Amino acid sequence: MIVAAEGAALAAGIVGATHESWSGVGHLFWWERPDDAAALVLGHTEAATARR
C-alpha cells in the first residue's frame, strides 16, 4: 500500500490503469468493503475479457 497521491501518480503513468481511493477504509479494503472490492475486481476482469 502506498500514499494515495503516489498511487494516483503511478496509475497516471500506466496506460489503461485506474486508481481507486475509498475514504475511511484501511489496508484490508476487501474485508471492510467486500461488495465494492468484488465489483472492482469483476469490472477489471470483464474489461480485460472484452478487450480479447
PDB file of N, CA and C in Angstrom:
ATOM      1  N   MET A   1       0.840  -1.157   0.000  1.00  0.00           N
ATOM      2  CA  MET A   1       0.000   0.000   0.000  1.00  0.00           C
ATOM      3  C   MET A   1       0.902   1.244   0.000  1.00  0.00           C
ATOM      4  N   ILE A   2       0.454   2.262  -0.716  1.00  0.00           N
ATOM      5  CA  ILE A   2       1.228   3.491  -0.812  1.00  0.00           C
ATOM      6  C   ILE A   2       0.323   4.698  -0.564  1.00  0.00           C
ATOM      7  N   VAL A   3       0.933   5.830  -0.379  1.00  0.00           N
ATOM      8  CA  VAL A   3       0.191   7.072  -0.183  1.00  0.00           C
ATOM      9  C   VAL A   3      -0.702   7.309  -1.404  1.00  0.00           C
ATOM     10  N   ALA A   4      -1.927   7.766  -1.166  1.00  0.00           N
ATOM     11  CA  ALA A   4      -2.904   7.917  -2.249  1.00  0.00           C
ATOM     12  C   ALA A   4      -2.388   8.765  -3.401  1.00  0.00           C
ATOM     13  N   ALA A   5      -1.733   9.862  -3.107  1.00  0.00           N
ATOM     14  CA  ALA A   5      -1.227  10.727  -4.182  1.00  0.00           C
ATOM     15  C   ALA A   5      -0.195   9.994  -5.032  1.00  0.00           C
ATOM     16  N   GLU A   6       0.617   9.170  -4.412  1.00  0.00           N
ATOM     17  CA  GLU A   6       1.609   8.408  -5.167  1.00  0.00           C
ATOM     18  C   GLU A   6       0.932   7.316  -5.998  1.00  0.00           C
ATOM     19  N   GLY A   7      -0.138   6.749  -5.480  1.00  0.00           N
ATOM     20  CA  GLY A   7      -0.890   5.754  -6.240  1.00  0.00           C
ATOM     21  C   GLY A   7      -1.519   6.368  -7.479  1.00  0.00           C
ATOM     22  N   ALA A   8      -2.057   7.565  -7.329  1.00  0.00           N
ATOM     23  CA  ALA A   8      -2.652   8.260  -8.473  1.00  0.00           C
ATOM     24  C   ALA A   8      -1.594   8.580  -9.517  1.00  0.00           C
ATOM     25  N   ALA A   9      -0.420   9.021  -9.065  1.00  0.00           N
ATOM     26  CA  ALA A   9       0.669   9.337  -9.997  1.00  0.00           C
ATOM     27  C   ALA A   9       1.151   8.070 -10.702  1.00  0.00           C
ATOM     28  N   LEU A  10       1.239   6.983  -9.977  1.00  0.00           N
ATOM     29  CA  LEU A  10       1.656   5.715 -10.570  1.00  0.00           C
ATOM     30  C   LEU A  10       0.655   5.272 -11.631  1.00  0.00           C
ATOM     31  N   ALA A  11      -0.623   5.332 -11.313  1.00  0.00           N
ATOM     32  CA  ALA A  11      -1.655   4.935 -12.275  1.00  0.00           C
ATOM     33  C   ALA A  11      -1.645   5.830 -13.507  1.00  0.00           C
ATOM     34  N   ALA A  12      -1.365   7.105 -13.315  1.00  0.00           N
ATOM     35  CA  ALA A  12      -1.329   8.039 -14.445  1.00  0.00           C
ATOM     36  C   ALA A  12      -0.225   7.682 -15.435  1.00  0.00           C
ATOM     37  N   GLY A  13       0.812   7.019 -14.946  1.00  0.00           N
ATOM     38  CA  GLY A  13       1.928   6.655 -15.805  1.00  0.00           C
ATOM     39  C   GLY A  13       1.786   5.295 -16.470  1.00  0.00           C
ATOM     40  N   ILE A  14       0.680   4.594 -16.226  1.00  0.00           N
ATOM     41  CA  ILE A  14       0.462   3.267 -16.788  1.00  0.00           C
ATOM     42  C   ILE A  14      -0.760   3.310 -17.693  1.00  0.00           C
ATOM     43  N   VAL A  15      -0.560   3.009 -18.954  1.00  0.00           N
ATOM     44  CA  VAL A  15      -1.659   3.040 -19.923  1.00  0.00           C
ATOM     45  C   VAL A  15      -2.765   2.075 -19.485  1.00  0.00           C
ATOM     46  N   GLY A  16      -3.980   2.590 -19.407  1.00  0.00           N
ATOM     47  CA  GLY A  16      -5.125   1.769 -19.054  1.00  0.00           C
ATOM     48  C   GLY A  16      -5.337   1.553 -17.567  1.00  0.00           C
ATOM     49  N   ALA A  17      -4.435   2.065 -16.733  1.00  0.00           N
ATOM     50  CA  ALA A  17      -4.555   1.873 -15.284  1.00  0.00           C
ATOM     51  C   ALA A  17      -5.569   2.841 -14.694  1.00  0.00           C
ATOM     52  N   THR A  18      -6.140   2.446 -13.578  1.00  0.00           N
ATOM     53  CA  THR A  18      -7.021   3.322 -12.813  1.00  0.00           C
ATOM     54  C   THR A  18      -6.533   3.358 -11.376  1.00  0.00           C
ATOM     55  N   HIS A  19      -6.979   4.361 -10.650  1.00  0.00           N
ATOM     56  CA  HIS A  19      -6.644   4.486  -9.234  1.00  0.00           C
ATOM     57  C   HIS A  19      -7.934   4.618  -8.454  1.00  0.00           C
ATOM     58  N   GLU A  20      -8.125   3.790  -7.465  1.00  0.00           N
ATOM     59  CA  GLU A  20      -9.314   3.840  -6.608  1.00  0.00           C
ATOM     60  C   GLU A  20      -8.897   4.263  -5.219  1.00  0.00           C
ATOM     61  N   SER A  21      -9.671   5.149  -4.623  1.00  0.00           N
ATOM     62  CA  SER A  21      -9.412   5.598  -3.256  1.00  0.00           C
ATOM     63  C   SER A  21     -10.745   5.669  -2.529  1.00  0.00           C
ATOM     64  N   TRP A  22     -10.858   4.948  -1.434  1.00  0.00           N
ATOM     65  CA  TRP A  22     -12.087   4.914  -0.650  1.00  0.00           C
ATOM     66  C   TRP A  22     -11.814   5.516   0.721  1.00  0.00           C
ATOM     67  N   SER A  23     -12.520   6.560   1.068  1.00  0.00           N
ATOM     68  CA  SER A  23     -12.306   7.191   2.369  1.00  0.00           C
ATOM     69  C   SER A  23     -12.798   6.279   3.494  1.00  0.00           C
ATOM     70  N   GLY A  24     -12.102   6.333   4.605  1.00  0.00           N
ATOM     71  CA  GLY A  24     -12.484   5.556   5.765  1.00  0.00           C
ATOM     72  C   GLY A  24     -12.142   4.085   5.691  1.00  0.00           C
ATOM     73  N   VAL A  25     -11.362   3.687   4.695  1.00  0.00           N
ATOM     74  CA  VAL A  25     -11.004   2.281   4.521  1.00  0.00           C
ATOM     75  C   VAL A  25      -9.498   2.129   4.721  1.00  0.00           C
ATOM     76  N   GLY A  26      -9.109   1.070   5.410  1.00  0.00           N
ATOM     77  CA  GLY A  26      -7.690   0.840   5.666  1.00  0.00           C
ATOM     78  C   GLY A  26      -7.082  -0.164   4.699  1.00  0.00           C
ATOM     79  N   HIS A  27      -6.038  -0.825   5.160  1.00  0.00           N
ATOM     80  CA  HIS A  27      -5.308  -1.767   4.316  1.00  0.00           C
ATOM     81  C   HIS A  27      -6.119  -3.008   3.954  1.00  0.00           C
ATOM     82  N   LEU A  28      -7.135  -3.311   4.729  1.00  0.00           N
ATOM     83  CA  LEU A  28      -7.951  -4.506   4.471  1.00  0.00           C
ATOM     84  C   LEU A  28      -9.244  -4.115   3.765  1.00  0.00           C
ATOM     85  N   PHE A  29      -9.096  -3.385   2.671  1.00  0.00           N
ATOM     86  CA  PHE A  29     -10.268  -2.871   1.951  1.00  0.00           C
ATOM     87  C   PHE A  29     -11.211  -3.980   1.531  1.00  0.00           C
ATOM     88  N   TRP A  30     -10.709  -5.133   1.170  1.00  0.00           N
ATOM     89  CA  TRP A  30     -11.544  -6.248   0.724  1.00  0.00           C
ATOM     90  C   TRP A  30     -12.360  -6.815   1.877  1.00  0.00           C
ATOM     91  N   TRP A  31     -11.900  -6.623   3.106  1.00  0.00           N
ATOM     92  CA  TRP A  31     -12.613  -7.096   4.291  1.00  0.00           C
ATOM     93  C   TRP A  31     -13.620  -6.044   4.752  1.00  0.00           C
ATOM     94  N   GLU A  32     -13.215  -4.787   4.662  1.00  0.00           N
ATOM     95  CA  GLU A  32     -14.050  -3.694   5.130  1.00  0.00           C
ATOM     96  C   GLU A  32     -15.176  -3.348   4.153  1.00  0.00           C
ATOM     97  N   ARG A  33     -14.931  -3.527   2.868  1.00  0.00           N
ATOM     98  CA  ARG A  33     -15.936  -3.219   1.844  1.00  0.00           C
ATOM     99  C   ARG A  33     -15.929  -4.310   0.775  1.00  0.00           C
ATOM    100  N   PRO A  34     -16.332  -5.535   1.173  1.00  0.00           N
ATOM    101  CA  PRO A  34     -16.231  -6.667   0.256  1.00  0.00           C
ATOM    102  C   PRO A  34     -17.036  -6.505  -1.033  1.00  0.00           C
ATOM    103  N   ASP A  35     -18.215  -5.915  -0.959  1.00  0.00           N
ATOM    104  CA  ASP A  35     -19.021  -5.754  -2.177  1.00  0.00           C
ATOM    105  C   ASP A  35     -18.355  -4.799  -3.159  1.00  0.00           C
ATOM    106  N   ASP A  36     -17.804  -3.708  -2.644  1.00  0.00           N
ATOM    107  CA  ASP A  36     -17.117  -2.756  -3.521  1.00  0.00           C
ATOM    108  C   ASP A  36     -15.844  -3.363  -4.105  1.00  0.00           C
ATOM    109  N   ALA A  37     -15.101  -4.110  -3.278  1.00  0.00           N
ATOM    110  CA  ALA A  37     -13.875  -4.745  -3.759  1.00  0.00           C
ATOM    111  C   ALA A  37     -14.192  -5.780  -4.836  1.00  0.00           C
ATOM    112  N   ALA A  38     -15.235  -6.568  -4.617  1.00  0.00           N
ATOM    113  CA  ALA A  38     -15.626  -7.576  -5.605  1.00  0.00           C
ATOM    114  C   ALA A  38     -16.059  -6.920  -6.911  1.00  0.00           C
ATOM    115  N   ALA A  39     -16.825  -5.843  -6.809  1.00  0.00           N
ATOM    116  CA  ALA A  39     -17.276  -5.140  -8.015  1.00  0.00           C
ATOM    117  C   ALA A  39     -16.087  -4.581  -8.787  1.00  0.00           C
ATOM    118  N   LEU A  40     -15.089  -4.087  -8.079  1.00  0.00           N
ATOM    119  CA  LEU A  40     -13.893  -3.554  -8.725  1.00  0.00           C
ATOM    120  C   LEU A  40     -13.141  -4.657  -9.473  1.00  0.00           C
ATOM    121  N   VAL A  41     -12.964  -5.797  -8.837  1.00  0.00           N
ATOM    122  CA  VAL A  41     -12.266  -6.919  -9.476  1.00  0.00           C
ATOM    123  C   VAL A  41     -13.068  -7.443 -10.664  1.00  0.00           C
ATOM    124  N   LEU A  42     -14.365  -7.601 -10.488  1.00  0.00           N
ATOM    125  CA  LEU A  42     -15.200  -8.090 -11.592  1.00  0.00           C
ATOM    126  C   LEU A  42     -15.187  -7.126 -12.769  1.00  0.00           C
ATOM    127  N   GLY A  43     -15.253  -5.835 -12.487  1.00  0.00           N
ATOM    128  CA  GLY A  43     -15.191  -4.841 -13.557  1.00  0.00           C
ATOM    129  C   GLY A  43     -13.884  -4.918 -14.314  1.00  0.00           C
ATOM    130  N   HIS A  44     -12.802  -5.125 -13.587  1.00  0.00           N
ATOM    131  CA  HIS A  44     -11.486  -5.236 -14.213  1.00  0.00           C
ATOM    132  C   HIS A  44     -11.410  -6.474 -15.105  1.00  0.00           C
ATOM    133  N   THR A  45     -11.888  -7.602 -14.602  1.00  0.00           N
ATOM    134  CA  THR A  45     -11.815  -8.832 -15.390  1.00  0.00           C
ATOM    135  C   THR A  45     -12.751  -8.783 -16.598  1.00  0.00           C
ATOM    136  N   GLU A  46     -13.917  -8.185 -16.434  1.00  0.00           N
ATOM    137  CA  GLU A  46     -14.843  -8.059 -17.566  1.00  0.00           C
ATOM    138  C   GLU A  46     -14.259  -7.176 -18.647  1.00  0.00           C
ATOM    139  N   ALA A  47     -13.606  -6.080 -18.258  1.00  0.00           N
ATOM    140  CA  ALA A  47     -12.979  -5.185 -19.245  1.00  0.00           C
ATOM    141  C   ALA A  47     -11.841  -5.902 -19.964  1.00  0.00           C
ATOM    142  N   ALA A  48     -11.054  -6.675 -19.221  1.00  0.00           N
ATOM    143  CA  ALA A  48      -9.943  -7.394 -19.830  1.00  0.00           C
ATOM    144  C   ALA A  48     -10.466  -8.450 -20.800  1.00  0.00           C
ATOM    145  N   THR A  49     -11.538  -9.112 -20.443  1.00  0.00           N
ATOM    146  CA  THR A  49     -12.132 -10.121 -21.311  1.00  0.00           C
ATOM    147  C   THR A  49     -12.691  -9.493 -22.574  1.00  0.00           C
ATOM    148  N   ALA A  50     -13.317  -8.330 -22.428  1.00  0.00           N
ATOM    149  CA  ALA A  50     -13.899  -7.651 -23.584  1.00  0.00           C
ATOM    150  C   ALA A  50     -12.827  -7.195 -24.585  1.00  0.00           C
ATOM    151  N   ARG A  51     -11.622  -6.930 -24.106  1.00  0.00           N
ATOM    152  CA  ARG A  51     -10.533  -6.483 -24.993  1.00  0.00           C
ATOM    153  C   ARG A  51      -9.942  -7.628 -25.793  1.00  0.00           C
ATOM    154  N   ARG A  52     -10.237  -8.851 -25.453  1.00  0.00           N
ATOM    155  CA  ARG A  52      -9.654 -10.013 -26.133  1.00  0.00           C
ATOM    156  C   ARG A  52     -10.201 -10.197 -27.493  1.00  0.00           C
TER     157      ARG A  52
END
